[in-house]
Full PDB file with SEQRES, HELIX, SHEET, SSBOND, CRYST1, ORIGX, SCALE, CONECT and MASTER records, all heavy atoms in Angstrom:
SEQRES   1 A   40  ARG ILE ASN LEU GLU THR ASP PRO SER ALA VAL VAL PHE          
SEQRES   2 A   40  ALA ILE ASP ASP ARG THR GLY ARG HIS ILE GLY ASP VAL          
SEQRES   3 A   40  ASP LEU HIS ARG ILE ASP TRP ARG GLU LYS SER ALA ARG          
SEQRES   4 A   40  LEU                                                          
HELIX    1 AA1 ILE A    2  GLU A    5  1                                   4    
SHEET    1 AA1 3 VAL A  11  ASP A  16  0                                        
SHEET    2 AA1 3 HIS A  22  ASP A  32 -1                                        
SHEET    3 AA1 3 SER A  37  ARG A  39 -1                                        
CRYST1    1.000    1.000    1.000  90.00  90.00  90.00 P 1           1          
ORIGX1      1.000000  0.000000  0.000000        0.00000                         
ORIGX2      0.000000  1.000000  0.000000        0.00000                         
ORIGX3      0.000000  0.000000  1.000000        0.00000                         
SCALE1      1.000000  0.000000  0.000000        0.00000                         
SCALE2      0.000000  1.000000  0.000000        0.00000                         
SCALE3      0.000000  0.000000  1.000000        0.00000                         
ATOM      1  N   ARG A   1     -11.163 -47.103  42.063  1.00  0.00           N  
ATOM      2  CA  ARG A   1     -10.974 -48.508  42.434  1.00  0.00           C  
ATOM      3  C   ARG A   1     -10.815 -48.664  43.940  1.00  0.00           C  
ATOM      4  O   ARG A   1     -11.454 -49.536  44.555  1.00  0.00           O  
ATOM      5  CB  ARG A   1      -9.745 -49.077  41.720  1.00  0.00           C  
ATOM      6  CG  ARG A   1      -9.457 -50.526  42.094  1.00  0.00           C  
ATOM      7  CD  ARG A   1      -8.188 -51.042  41.441  1.00  0.00           C  
ATOM      8  NE  ARG A   1      -7.949 -52.424  41.843  1.00  0.00           N  
ATOM      9  CZ  ARG A   1      -6.886 -53.131  41.447  1.00  0.00           C  
ATOM     10  NH1 ARG A   1      -6.000 -52.591  40.632  1.00  0.00           N  
ATOM     11  NH2 ARG A   1      -6.731 -54.372  41.853  1.00  0.00           N  
ATOM     12  N   ILE A   2      -9.976 -47.826  44.546  1.00  0.00           N  
ATOM     13  CA  ILE A   2      -9.744 -47.922  45.983  1.00  0.00           C  
ATOM     14  C   ILE A   2     -11.035 -47.698  46.761  1.00  0.00           C  
ATOM     15  O   ILE A   2     -11.342 -48.399  47.728  1.00  0.00           O  
ATOM     16  CB  ILE A   2      -8.667 -46.915  46.430  1.00  0.00           C  
ATOM     17  CG1 ILE A   2      -7.302 -47.323  45.860  1.00  0.00           C  
ATOM     18  CG2 ILE A   2      -8.612 -46.815  47.949  1.00  0.00           C  
ATOM     19  CD1 ILE A   2      -6.809 -48.673  46.327  1.00  0.00           C  
ATOM     20  N   ASN A   3     -11.824 -46.717  46.320  1.00  0.00           N  
ATOM     21  CA  ASN A   3     -13.079 -46.423  47.013  1.00  0.00           C  
ATOM     22  C   ASN A   3     -13.998 -47.640  47.041  1.00  0.00           C  
ATOM     23  O   ASN A   3     -14.628 -47.950  48.057  1.00  0.00           O  
ATOM     24  CB  ASN A   3     -13.795 -45.248  46.353  1.00  0.00           C  
ATOM     25  CG  ASN A   3     -13.105 -43.925  46.602  1.00  0.00           C  
ATOM     26  OD1 ASN A   3     -12.241 -43.808  47.476  1.00  0.00           O  
ATOM     27  ND2 ASN A   3     -13.465 -42.915  45.833  1.00  0.00           N  
ATOM     28  N   LEU A   4     -14.087 -48.340  45.908  1.00  0.00           N  
ATOM     29  CA  LEU A   4     -14.965 -49.507  45.838  1.00  0.00           C  
ATOM     30  C   LEU A   4     -14.384 -50.703  46.575  1.00  0.00           C  
ATOM     31  O   LEU A   4     -15.089 -51.420  47.282  1.00  0.00           O  
ATOM     32  CB  LEU A   4     -15.242 -49.874  44.384  1.00  0.00           C  
ATOM     33  CG  LEU A   4     -16.239 -48.985  43.637  1.00  0.00           C  
ATOM     34  CD1 LEU A   4     -16.263 -49.343  42.157  1.00  0.00           C  
ATOM     35  CD2 LEU A   4     -17.645 -49.104  44.232  1.00  0.00           C  
ATOM     36  N   GLU A   5     -13.077 -50.940  46.405  1.00  0.00           N  
ATOM     37  CA  GLU A   5     -12.478 -52.142  46.970  1.00  0.00           C  
ATOM     38  C   GLU A   5     -12.264 -52.050  48.474  1.00  0.00           C  
ATOM     39  O   GLU A   5     -12.052 -53.082  49.124  1.00  0.00           O  
ATOM     40  CB  GLU A   5     -11.158 -52.458  46.266  1.00  0.00           C  
ATOM     41  CG  GLU A   5     -11.352 -52.907  44.817  1.00  0.00           C  
ATOM     42  CD  GLU A   5     -10.075 -53.405  44.179  1.00  0.00           C  
ATOM     43  OE1 GLU A   5      -8.981 -53.082  44.691  1.00  0.00           O  
ATOM     44  OE2 GLU A   5     -10.177 -54.115  43.160  1.00  0.00           O  
ATOM     45  N   THR A   6     -12.310 -50.858  49.049  1.00  0.00           N  
ATOM     46  CA  THR A   6     -12.150 -50.718  50.496  1.00  0.00           C  
ATOM     47  C   THR A   6     -13.472 -50.394  51.176  1.00  0.00           C  
ATOM     48  O   THR A   6     -13.507 -50.170  52.391  1.00  0.00           O  
ATOM     49  CB  THR A   6     -11.124 -49.621  50.842  1.00  0.00           C  
ATOM     50  OG1 THR A   6     -11.561 -48.369  50.302  1.00  0.00           O  
ATOM     51  CG2 THR A   6      -9.754 -49.978  50.295  1.00  0.00           C  
ATOM     52  N   ASP A   7     -14.543 -50.385  50.416  1.00  0.00           N  
ATOM     53  CA  ASP A   7     -15.866 -50.080  50.957  1.00  0.00           C  
ATOM     54  C   ASP A   7     -16.556 -51.390  51.337  1.00  0.00           C  
ATOM     55  O   ASP A   7     -16.806 -52.231  50.474  1.00  0.00           O  
ATOM     56  CB  ASP A   7     -16.690 -49.328  49.902  1.00  0.00           C  
ATOM     57  CG  ASP A   7     -18.052 -48.900  50.422  1.00  0.00           C  
ATOM     58  OD1 ASP A   7     -18.469 -49.366  51.495  1.00  0.00           O  
ATOM     59  OD2 ASP A   7     -18.704 -48.095  49.733  1.00  0.00           O  
ATOM     60  N   PRO A   8     -16.871 -51.595  52.613  1.00  0.00           N  
ATOM     61  CA  PRO A   8     -17.513 -52.853  53.013  1.00  0.00           C  
ATOM     62  C   PRO A   8     -18.922 -53.005  52.483  1.00  0.00           C  
ATOM     63  O   PRO A   8     -19.509 -54.088  52.598  1.00  0.00           O  
ATOM     64  CB  PRO A   8     -17.517 -52.781  54.547  1.00  0.00           C  
ATOM     65  CG  PRO A   8     -17.473 -51.319  54.851  1.00  0.00           C  
ATOM     66  CD  PRO A   8     -16.629 -50.715  53.771  1.00  0.00           C  
ATOM     67  N   SER A   9     -19.477 -51.956  51.887  1.00  0.00           N  
ATOM     68  CA  SER A   9     -20.833 -52.041  51.343  1.00  0.00           C  
ATOM     69  C   SER A   9     -20.810 -51.999  49.815  1.00  0.00           C  
ATOM     70  O   SER A   9     -21.777 -51.564  49.190  1.00  0.00           O  
ATOM     71  CB  SER A   9     -21.703 -50.901  51.881  1.00  0.00           C  
ATOM     72  OG  SER A   9     -21.212 -49.647  51.427  1.00  0.00           O  
ATOM     73  N   ALA A  10     -19.706 -52.458  49.203  1.00  0.00           N  
ATOM     74  CA  ALA A  10     -19.603 -52.436  47.743  1.00  0.00           C  
ATOM     75  C   ALA A  10     -18.862 -53.664  47.239  1.00  0.00           C  
ATOM     76  O   ALA A  10     -17.996 -54.215  47.931  1.00  0.00           O  
ATOM     77  CB  ALA A  10     -18.888 -51.168  47.272  1.00  0.00           C  
ATOM     78  N   VAL A  11     -19.214 -54.097  46.037  1.00  0.00           N  
ATOM     79  CA  VAL A  11     -18.492 -55.139  45.327  1.00  0.00           C  
ATOM     80  C   VAL A  11     -18.369 -54.695  43.875  1.00  0.00           C  
ATOM     81  O   VAL A  11     -19.267 -54.067  43.332  1.00  0.00           O  
ATOM     82  CB  VAL A  11     -19.204 -56.512  45.397  1.00  0.00           C  
ATOM     83  CG1 VAL A  11     -19.205 -57.041  46.820  1.00  0.00           C  
ATOM     84  CG2 VAL A  11     -20.628 -56.430  44.872  1.00  0.00           C  
ATOM     85  N   VAL A  12     -17.237 -54.993  43.237  1.00  0.00           N  
ATOM     86  CA  VAL A  12     -17.020 -54.557  41.865  1.00  0.00           C  
ATOM     87  C   VAL A  12     -16.364 -55.669  41.067  1.00  0.00           C  
ATOM     88  O   VAL A  12     -15.525 -56.408  41.579  1.00  0.00           O  
ATOM     89  CB  VAL A  12     -16.155 -53.264  41.823  1.00  0.00           C  
ATOM     90  CG1 VAL A  12     -14.792 -53.483  42.473  1.00  0.00           C  
ATOM     91  CG2 VAL A  12     -15.996 -52.760  40.385  1.00  0.00           C  
ATOM     92  N   PHE A  13     -16.781 -55.807  39.809  1.00  0.00           N  
ATOM     93  CA  PHE A  13     -16.215 -56.792  38.891  1.00  0.00           C  
ATOM     94  C   PHE A  13     -15.860 -56.122  37.573  1.00  0.00           C  
ATOM     95  O   PHE A  13     -16.532 -55.178  37.135  1.00  0.00           O  
ATOM     96  CB  PHE A  13     -17.216 -57.909  38.591  1.00  0.00           C  
ATOM     97  CG  PHE A  13     -17.552 -58.771  39.769  1.00  0.00           C  
ATOM     98  CD1 PHE A  13     -18.747 -58.597  40.443  1.00  0.00           C  
ATOM     99  CD2 PHE A  13     -16.686 -59.754  40.194  1.00  0.00           C  
ATOM    100  CE1 PHE A  13     -19.073 -59.392  41.530  1.00  0.00           C  
ATOM    101  CE2 PHE A  13     -17.008 -60.556  41.285  1.00  0.00           C  
ATOM    102  CZ  PHE A  13     -18.206 -60.375  41.948  1.00  0.00           C  
ATOM    103  N   ALA A  14     -14.825 -56.622  36.937  1.00  0.00           N  
ATOM    104  CA  ALA A  14     -14.536 -56.265  35.555  1.00  0.00           C  
ATOM    105  C   ALA A  14     -15.411 -57.109  34.631  1.00  0.00           C  
ATOM    106  O   ALA A  14     -15.864 -58.188  35.008  1.00  0.00           O  
ATOM    107  CB  ALA A  14     -13.066 -56.507  35.241  1.00  0.00           C  
ATOM    108  N   ILE A  15     -15.662 -56.611  33.444  1.00  0.00           N  
ATOM    109  CA  ILE A  15     -16.392 -57.358  32.414  1.00  0.00           C  
ATOM    110  C   ILE A  15     -15.452 -57.562  31.239  1.00  0.00           C  
ATOM    111  O   ILE A  15     -14.913 -56.603  30.688  1.00  0.00           O  
ATOM    112  CB  ILE A  15     -17.644 -56.582  31.937  1.00  0.00           C  
ATOM    113  CG1 ILE A  15     -18.551 -56.223  33.115  1.00  0.00           C  
ATOM    114  CG2 ILE A  15     -18.406 -57.401  30.896  1.00  0.00           C  
ATOM    115  CD1 ILE A  15     -19.670 -55.273  32.735  1.00  0.00           C  
ATOM    116  N   ASP A  16     -15.228 -58.810  30.868  1.00  0.00           N  
ATOM    117  CA  ASP A  16     -14.422 -59.160  29.699  1.00  0.00           C  
ATOM    118  C   ASP A  16     -15.338 -59.693  28.604  1.00  0.00           C  
ATOM    119  O   ASP A  16     -16.375 -60.300  28.894  1.00  0.00           O  
ATOM    120  CB  ASP A  16     -13.395 -60.238  30.037  1.00  0.00           C  
ATOM    121  CG  ASP A  16     -12.301 -59.742  30.949  1.00  0.00           C  
ATOM    122  OD1 ASP A  16     -12.148 -58.518  31.109  1.00  0.00           O  
ATOM    123  OD2 ASP A  16     -11.601 -60.595  31.528  1.00  0.00           O  
ATOM    124  N   ASP A  17     -14.954 -59.483  27.362  1.00  0.00           N  
ATOM    125  CA  ASP A  17     -15.719 -60.111  26.282  1.00  0.00           C  
ATOM    126  C   ASP A  17     -15.269 -61.555  26.124  1.00  0.00           C  
ATOM    127  O   ASP A  17     -14.447 -62.058  26.905  1.00  0.00           O  
ATOM    128  CB  ASP A  17     -15.618 -59.310  24.978  1.00  0.00           C  
ATOM    129  CG  ASP A  17     -14.219 -59.343  24.353  1.00  0.00           C  
ATOM    130  OD1 ASP A  17     -13.354 -60.138  24.795  1.00  0.00           O  
ATOM    131  OD2 ASP A  17     -13.993 -58.571  23.407  1.00  0.00           O  
ATOM    132  N   ARG A  18     -15.798 -62.237  25.143  1.00  0.00           N  
ATOM    133  CA  ARG A  18     -15.530 -63.668  25.003  1.00  0.00           C  
ATOM    134  C   ARG A  18     -14.112 -63.974  24.533  1.00  0.00           C  
ATOM    135  O   ARG A  18     -13.709 -65.125  24.510  1.00  0.00           O  
ATOM    136  CB  ARG A  18     -16.581 -64.289  24.075  1.00  0.00           C  
ATOM    137  CG  ARG A  18     -17.962 -64.309  24.717  1.00  0.00           C  
ATOM    138  CD  ARG A  18     -19.066 -64.693  23.755  1.00  0.00           C  
ATOM    139  NE  ARG A  18     -20.376 -64.697  24.416  1.00  0.00           N  
ATOM    140  CZ  ARG A  18     -21.122 -63.621  24.625  1.00  0.00           C  
ATOM    141  NH1 ARG A  18     -20.668 -62.437  24.202  1.00  0.00           N  
ATOM    142  NH2 ARG A  18     -22.284 -63.696  25.223  1.00  0.00           N  
ATOM    143  N   THR A  19     -13.366 -62.933  24.166  1.00  0.00           N  
ATOM    144  CA  THR A  19     -11.959 -63.126  23.812  1.00  0.00           C  
ATOM    145  C   THR A  19     -11.037 -62.790  24.970  1.00  0.00           C  
ATOM    146  O   THR A  19      -9.826 -62.906  24.849  1.00  0.00           O  
ATOM    147  CB  THR A  19     -11.583 -62.256  22.598  1.00  0.00           C  
ATOM    148  OG1 THR A  19     -11.576 -60.864  22.986  1.00  0.00           O  
ATOM    149  CG2 THR A  19     -12.555 -62.461  21.452  1.00  0.00           C  
ATOM    150  N   GLY A  20     -11.617 -62.354  26.099  1.00  0.00           N  
ATOM    151  CA  GLY A  20     -10.810 -61.970  27.248  1.00  0.00           C  
ATOM    152  C   GLY A  20     -10.453 -60.506  27.293  1.00  0.00           C  
ATOM    153  O   GLY A  20      -9.720 -60.072  28.188  1.00  0.00           O  
ATOM    154  N   ARG A  21     -10.969 -59.711  26.358  1.00  0.00           N  
ATOM    155  CA  ARG A  21     -10.696 -58.278  26.337  1.00  0.00           C  
ATOM    156  C   ARG A  21     -11.560 -57.570  27.380  1.00  0.00           C  
ATOM    157  O   ARG A  21     -12.758 -57.795  27.460  1.00  0.00           O  
ATOM    158  CB  ARG A  21     -10.992 -57.718  24.946  1.00  0.00           C  
ATOM    159  CG  ARG A  21     -10.797 -56.210  24.816  1.00  0.00           C  
ATOM    160  CD  ARG A  21     -11.148 -55.720  23.422  1.00  0.00           C  
ATOM    161  NE  ARG A  21     -12.538 -56.007  23.070  1.00  0.00           N  
ATOM    162  CZ  ARG A  21     -13.244 -55.323  22.183  1.00  0.00           C  
ATOM    163  NH1 ARG A  21     -12.687 -54.311  21.529  1.00  0.00           N  
ATOM    164  NH2 ARG A  21     -14.491 -55.662  21.905  1.00  0.00           N  
ATOM    165  N   HIS A  22     -10.941 -56.716  28.167  1.00  0.00           N  
ATOM    166  CA  HIS A  22     -11.667 -55.949  29.183  1.00  0.00           C  
ATOM    167  C   HIS A  22     -12.488 -54.867  28.493  1.00  0.00           C  
ATOM    168  O   HIS A  22     -11.950 -54.034  27.769  1.00  0.00           O  
ATOM    169  CB  HIS A  22     -10.657 -55.321  30.146  1.00  0.00           C  
ATOM    170  CG  HIS A  22     -11.277 -54.470  31.210  1.00  0.00           C  
ATOM    171  ND1 HIS A  22     -10.717 -53.283  31.616  1.00  0.00           N  
ATOM    172  CD2 HIS A  22     -12.400 -54.627  31.954  1.00  0.00           C  
ATOM    173  CE1 HIS A  22     -11.458 -52.744  32.567  1.00  0.00           C  
ATOM    174  NE2 HIS A  22     -12.486 -53.539  32.782  1.00  0.00           N  
ATOM    175  N   ILE A  23     -13.815 -54.884  28.724  1.00  0.00           N  
ATOM    176  CA  ILE A  23     -14.693 -53.949  28.026  1.00  0.00           C  
ATOM    177  C   ILE A  23     -15.531 -53.087  28.968  1.00  0.00           C  
ATOM    178  O   ILE A  23     -16.209 -52.158  28.515  1.00  0.00           O  
ATOM    179  CB  ILE A  23     -15.647 -54.686  27.067  1.00  0.00           C  
ATOM    180  CG1 ILE A  23     -16.521 -55.687  27.849  1.00  0.00           C  
ATOM    181  CG2 ILE A  23     -14.864 -55.374  25.949  1.00  0.00           C  
ATOM    182  CD1 ILE A  23     -17.644 -56.293  27.019  1.00  0.00           C  
ATOM    183  N   GLY A  24     -15.495 -53.366  30.274  1.00  0.00           N  
ATOM    184  CA  GLY A  24     -16.318 -52.560  31.168  1.00  0.00           C  
ATOM    185  C   GLY A  24     -16.233 -53.035  32.604  1.00  0.00           C  
ATOM    186  O   GLY A  24     -15.438 -53.924  32.947  1.00  0.00           O  
ATOM    187  N   ASP A  25     -17.057 -52.427  33.444  1.00  0.00           N  
ATOM    188  CA  ASP A  25     -17.088 -52.738  34.866  1.00  0.00           C  
ATOM    189  C   ASP A  25     -18.527 -52.694  35.353  1.00  0.00           C  
ATOM    190  O   ASP A  25     -19.356 -51.957  34.814  1.00  0.00           O  
ATOM    191  CB  ASP A  25     -16.266 -51.717  35.668  1.00  0.00           C  
ATOM    192  CG  ASP A  25     -14.884 -51.507  35.086  1.00  0.00           C  
ATOM    193  OD1 ASP A  25     -14.083 -52.456  35.111  1.00  0.00           O  
ATOM    194  OD2 ASP A  25     -14.622 -50.391  34.590  1.00  0.00           O  
ATOM    195  N   VAL A  26     -18.827 -53.465  36.396  1.00  0.00           N  
ATOM    196  CA  VAL A  26     -20.159 -53.473  36.995  1.00  0.00           C  
ATOM    197  C   VAL A  26     -19.994 -53.608  38.501  1.00  0.00           C  
ATOM    198  O   VAL A  26     -19.089 -54.296  38.977  1.00  0.00           O  
ATOM    199  CB  VAL A  26     -21.023 -54.612  36.409  1.00  0.00           C  
ATOM    200  CG1 VAL A  26     -20.437 -55.983  36.730  1.00  0.00           C  
ATOM    201  CG2 VAL A  26     -22.466 -54.509  36.865  1.00  0.00           C  
ATOM    202  N   ASP A  27     -20.841 -52.910  39.251  1.00  0.00           N  
ATOM    203  CA  ASP A  27     -20.695 -52.974  40.699  1.00  0.00           C  
ATOM    204  C   ASP A  27     -22.033 -52.870  41.409  1.00  0.00           C  
ATOM    205  O   ASP A  27     -23.027 -52.396  40.858  1.00  0.00           O  
ATOM    206  CB  ASP A  27     -19.761 -51.863  41.197  1.00  0.00           C  
ATOM    207  CG  ASP A  27     -20.380 -50.477  41.103  1.00  0.00           C  
ATOM    208  OD1 ASP A  27     -21.228 -50.139  41.958  1.00  0.00           O  
ATOM    209  OD2 ASP A  27     -20.017 -49.706  40.193  1.00  0.00           O  
ATOM    210  N   LEU A  28     -22.028 -53.341  42.639  1.00  0.00           N  
ATOM    211  CA  LEU A  28     -23.072 -53.062  43.611  1.00  0.00           C  
ATOM    212  C   LEU A  28     -22.457 -52.172  44.677  1.00  0.00           C  
ATOM    213  O   LEU A  28     -21.337 -52.431  45.132  1.00  0.00           O  
ATOM    214  CB  LEU A  28     -23.585 -54.344  44.272  1.00  0.00           C  
ATOM    215  CG  LEU A  28     -24.352 -55.337  43.402  1.00  0.00           C  
ATOM    216  CD1 LEU A  28     -24.612 -56.610  44.193  1.00  0.00           C  
ATOM    217  CD2 LEU A  28     -25.662 -54.738  42.895  1.00  0.00           C  
ATOM    218  N   HIS A  29     -23.157 -51.142  45.085  1.00  0.00           N  
ATOM    219  CA  HIS A  29     -22.665 -50.281  46.150  1.00  0.00           C  
ATOM    220  C   HIS A  29     -23.829 -49.866  47.047  1.00  0.00           C  
ATOM    221  O   HIS A  29     -24.984 -50.158  46.748  1.00  0.00           O  
ATOM    222  CB  HIS A  29     -21.952 -49.051  45.578  1.00  0.00           C  
ATOM    223  CG  HIS A  29     -22.808 -48.194  44.696  1.00  0.00           C  
ATOM    224  ND1 HIS A  29     -23.107 -48.528  43.391  1.00  0.00           N  
ATOM    225  CD2 HIS A  29     -23.460 -47.024  44.929  1.00  0.00           C  
ATOM    226  CE1 HIS A  29     -23.891 -47.604  42.870  1.00  0.00           C  
ATOM    227  NE2 HIS A  29     -24.130 -46.683  43.777  1.00  0.00           N  
ATOM    228  N   ARG A  30     -23.490 -49.217  48.145  1.00  0.00           N  
ATOM    229  CA  ARG A  30     -24.487 -48.869  49.158  1.00  0.00           C  
ATOM    230  C   ARG A  30     -25.329 -50.097  49.541  1.00  0.00           C  
ATOM    231  O   ARG A  30     -26.548 -50.020  49.649  1.00  0.00           O  
ATOM    232  CB  ARG A  30     -25.379 -47.721  48.685  1.00  0.00           C  
ATOM    233  CG  ARG A  30     -24.624 -46.433  48.465  1.00  0.00           C  
ATOM    234  CD  ARG A  30     -25.549 -45.241  48.424  1.00  0.00           C  
ATOM    235  NE  ARG A  30     -24.809 -44.027  48.170  1.00  0.00           N  
ATOM    236  CZ  ARG A  30     -25.332 -42.799  48.174  1.00  0.00           C  
ATOM    237  NH1 ARG A  30     -26.617 -42.651  48.431  1.00  0.00           N  
ATOM    238  NH2 ARG A  30     -24.598 -41.741  47.921  1.00  0.00           N  
ATOM    239  N   ILE A  31     -24.637 -51.220  49.739  1.00  0.00           N  
ATOM    240  CA  ILE A  31     -25.333 -52.422  50.194  1.00  0.00           C  
ATOM    241  C   ILE A  31     -25.800 -52.187  51.631  1.00  0.00           C  
ATOM    242  O   ILE A  31     -24.997 -51.896  52.513  1.00  0.00           O  
ATOM    243  CB  ILE A  31     -24.421 -53.654  50.125  1.00  0.00           C  
ATOM    244  CG1 ILE A  31     -23.959 -53.901  48.680  1.00  0.00           C  
ATOM    245  CG2 ILE A  31     -25.138 -54.884  50.677  1.00  0.00           C  
ATOM    246  CD1 ILE A  31     -22.931 -55.015  48.543  1.00  0.00           C  
ATOM    247  N   ASP A  32     -27.087 -52.285  51.830  1.00  0.00           N  
ATOM    248  CA  ASP A  32     -27.697 -52.088  53.146  1.00  0.00           C  
ATOM    249  C   ASP A  32     -28.176 -53.443  53.648  1.00  0.00           C  
ATOM    250  O   ASP A  32     -29.158 -53.987  53.148  1.00  0.00           O  
ATOM    251  CB  ASP A  32     -28.868 -51.107  53.019  1.00  0.00           C  
ATOM    252  CG  ASP A  32     -29.473 -50.730  54.375  1.00  0.00           C  
ATOM    253  OD1 ASP A  32     -29.521 -51.600  55.266  1.00  0.00           O  
ATOM    254  OD2 ASP A  32     -29.899 -49.567  54.522  1.00  0.00           O  
ATOM    255  N   TRP A  33     -27.462 -53.983  54.642  1.00  0.00           N  
ATOM    256  CA  TRP A  33     -27.768 -55.333  55.097  1.00  0.00           C  
ATOM    257  C   TRP A  33     -29.073 -55.388  55.878  1.00  0.00           C  
ATOM    258  O   TRP A  33     -29.740 -56.424  55.908  1.00  0.00           O  
ATOM    259  CB  TRP A  33     -26.614 -55.880  55.945  1.00  0.00           C  
ATOM    260  CG  TRP A  33     -25.351 -56.002  55.168  1.00  0.00           C  
ATOM    261  CD1 TRP A  33     -24.232 -55.240  55.295  1.00  0.00           C  
ATOM    262  CD2 TRP A  33     -25.085 -56.916  54.093  1.00  0.00           C  
ATOM    263  NE1 TRP A  33     -23.280 -55.629  54.371  1.00  0.00           N  
ATOM    264  CE2 TRP A  33     -23.775 -56.651  53.634  1.00  0.00           C  
ATOM    265  CE3 TRP A  33     -25.833 -57.925  53.486  1.00  0.00           C  
ATOM    266  CZ2 TRP A  33     -23.202 -57.371  52.592  1.00  0.00           C  
ATOM    267  CZ3 TRP A  33     -25.245 -58.639  52.448  1.00  0.00           C  
ATOM    268  CH2 TRP A  33     -23.952 -58.363  52.017  1.00  0.00           C  
ATOM    269  N   ARG A  34     -29.447 -54.291  56.543  1.00  0.00           N  
ATOM    270  CA  ARG A  34     -30.712 -54.277  57.269  1.00  0.00           C  
ATOM    271  C   ARG A  34     -31.887 -54.213  56.297  1.00  0.00           C  
ATOM    272  O   ARG A  34     -32.864 -54.942  56.443  1.00  0.00           O  
ATOM    273  CB  ARG A  34     -30.757 -53.093  58.246  1.00  0.00           C  
ATOM    274  CG  ARG A  34     -29.827 -53.249  59.444  1.00  0.00           C  
ATOM    275  CD  ARG A  34     -30.038 -52.137  60.444  1.00  0.00           C  
ATOM    276  NE  ARG A  34     -29.684 -50.843  59.878  1.00  0.00           N  
ATOM    277  CZ  ARG A  34     -28.481 -50.303  59.940  1.00  0.00           C  
ATOM    278  NH1 ARG A  34     -27.505 -50.955  60.537  1.00  0.00           N  
ATOM    279  NH2 ARG A  34     -28.234 -49.118  59.416  1.00  0.00           N  
ATOM    280  N   GLU A  35     -31.786 -53.335  55.321  1.00  0.00           N  
ATOM    281  CA  GLU A  35     -32.852 -53.179  54.342  1.00  0.00           C  
ATOM    282  C   GLU A  35     -32.772 -54.226  53.244  1.00  0.00           C  
ATOM    283  O   GLU A  35     -33.721 -54.426  52.484  1.00  0.00           O  
ATOM    284  CB  GLU A  35     -32.780 -51.775  53.730  1.00  0.00           C  
ATOM    285  CG  GLU A  35     -33.986 -51.379  52.920  1.00  0.00           C  
ATOM    286  CD  GLU A  35     -33.856 -49.963  52.376  1.00  0.00           C  
ATOM    287  OE1 GLU A  35     -33.155 -49.786  51.355  1.00  0.00           O  
ATOM    288  OE2 GLU A  35     -34.442 -49.055  52.967  1.00  0.00           O  
ATOM    289  N   LYS A  36     -31.604 -54.876  53.116  1.00  0.00           N  
ATOM    290  CA  LYS A  36     -31.341 -55.883  52.085  1.00  0.00           C  
ATOM    291  C   LYS A  36     -31.509 -55.289  50.682  1.00  0.00           C  
ATOM    292  O   LYS A  36     -32.179 -55.855  49.810  1.00  0.00           O  
ATOM    293  CB  LYS A  36     -32.247 -57.110  52.265  1.00  0.00           C  
ATOM    294  CG  LYS A  36     -31.985 -57.880  53.558  1.00  0.00           C  
ATOM    295  CD  LYS A  36     -32.773 -59.160  53.610  1.00  0.00           C  
ATOM    296  CE  LYS A  36     -32.510 -59.925  54.910  1.00  0.00           C  
ATOM    297  NZ  LYS A  36     -31.096 -60.318  55.043  1.00  0.00           N  
ATOM    298  N   SER A  37     -30.870 -54.150  50.481  1.00  0.00           N  
ATOM    299  CA  SER A  37     -30.923 -53.483  49.185  1.00  0.00           C  
ATOM    300  C   SER A  37     -29.529 -53.035  48.776  1.00  0.00           C  
ATOM    301  O   SER A  37     -28.605 -52.998  49.601  1.00  0.00           O  
ATOM    302  CB  SER A  37     -31.859 -52.273  49.240  1.00  0.00           C  
ATOM    303  OG  SER A  37     -31.317 -51.263  50.085  1.00  0.00           O  
ATOM    304  N   ALA A  38     -29.374 -52.718  47.501  1.00  0.00           N  
ATOM    305  CA  ALA A  38     -28.109 -52.202  46.989  1.00  0.00           C  
ATOM    306  C   ALA A  38     -28.389 -51.412  45.731  1.00  0.00           C  
ATOM    307  O   ALA A  38     -29.463 -51.504  45.131  1.00  0.00           O  
ATOM    308  CB  ALA A  38     -27.133 -53.341  46.699  1.00  0.00           C  
ATOM    309  N   ARG A  39     -27.407 -50.632  45.307  1.00  0.00           N  
ATOM    310  CA  ARG A  39     -27.498 -49.902  44.047  1.00  0.00           C  
ATOM    311  C   ARG A  39     -26.493 -50.482  43.055  1.00  0.00           C  
ATOM    312  O   ARG A  39     -25.422 -50.953  43.446  1.00  0.00           O  
ATOM    313  CB  ARG A  39     -27.232 -48.414  44.252  1.00  0.00           C  
ATOM    314  CG  ARG A  39     -28.244 -47.760  45.192  1.00  0.00           C  
ATOM    315  CD  ARG A  39     -28.084 -46.269  45.198  1.00  0.00           C  
ATOM    316  NE  ARG A  39     -28.804 -45.672  46.321  1.00  0.00           N  
ATOM    317  CZ  ARG A  39     -28.801 -44.375  46.594  1.00  0.00           C  
ATOM    318  NH1 ARG A  39     -28.104 -43.547  45.830  1.00  0.00           N  
ATOM    319  NH2 ARG A  39     -29.470 -43.899  47.624  1.00  0.00           N  
ATOM    320  N   LEU A  40     -26.849 -50.437  41.803  1.00  0.00           N  
ATOM    321  CA  LEU A  40     -26.033 -51.019  40.735  1.00  0.00           C  
ATOM    322  C   LEU A  40     -25.593 -49.932  39.768  1.00  0.00           C  
ATOM    323  O   LEU A  40     -26.375 -49.049  39.416  1.00  0.00           O  
ATOM    324  CB  LEU A  40     -26.839 -52.089  39.996  1.00  0.00           C  
ATOM    325  CG  LEU A  40     -26.175 -52.832  38.832  1.00  0.00           C  
ATOM    326  CD1 LEU A  40     -26.745 -54.251  38.731  1.00  0.00           C  
ATOM    327  CD2 LEU A  40     -26.370 -52.109  37.491  1.00  0.00           C  
TER     328      LEU A  40                                                      
MASTER        0    0    0    1    3    0    0    6  327    1    0    4          
END                                                                             
């Protein structure tokens, strides 16, 4: 979590189901602003 949340080239979200239960996570990392690309 710390690695993603302190990385200026990453964003991370939790995924909840329709009842509000946490079921997973999804992120973009290695965001390259010059190339305008990222990895998921």
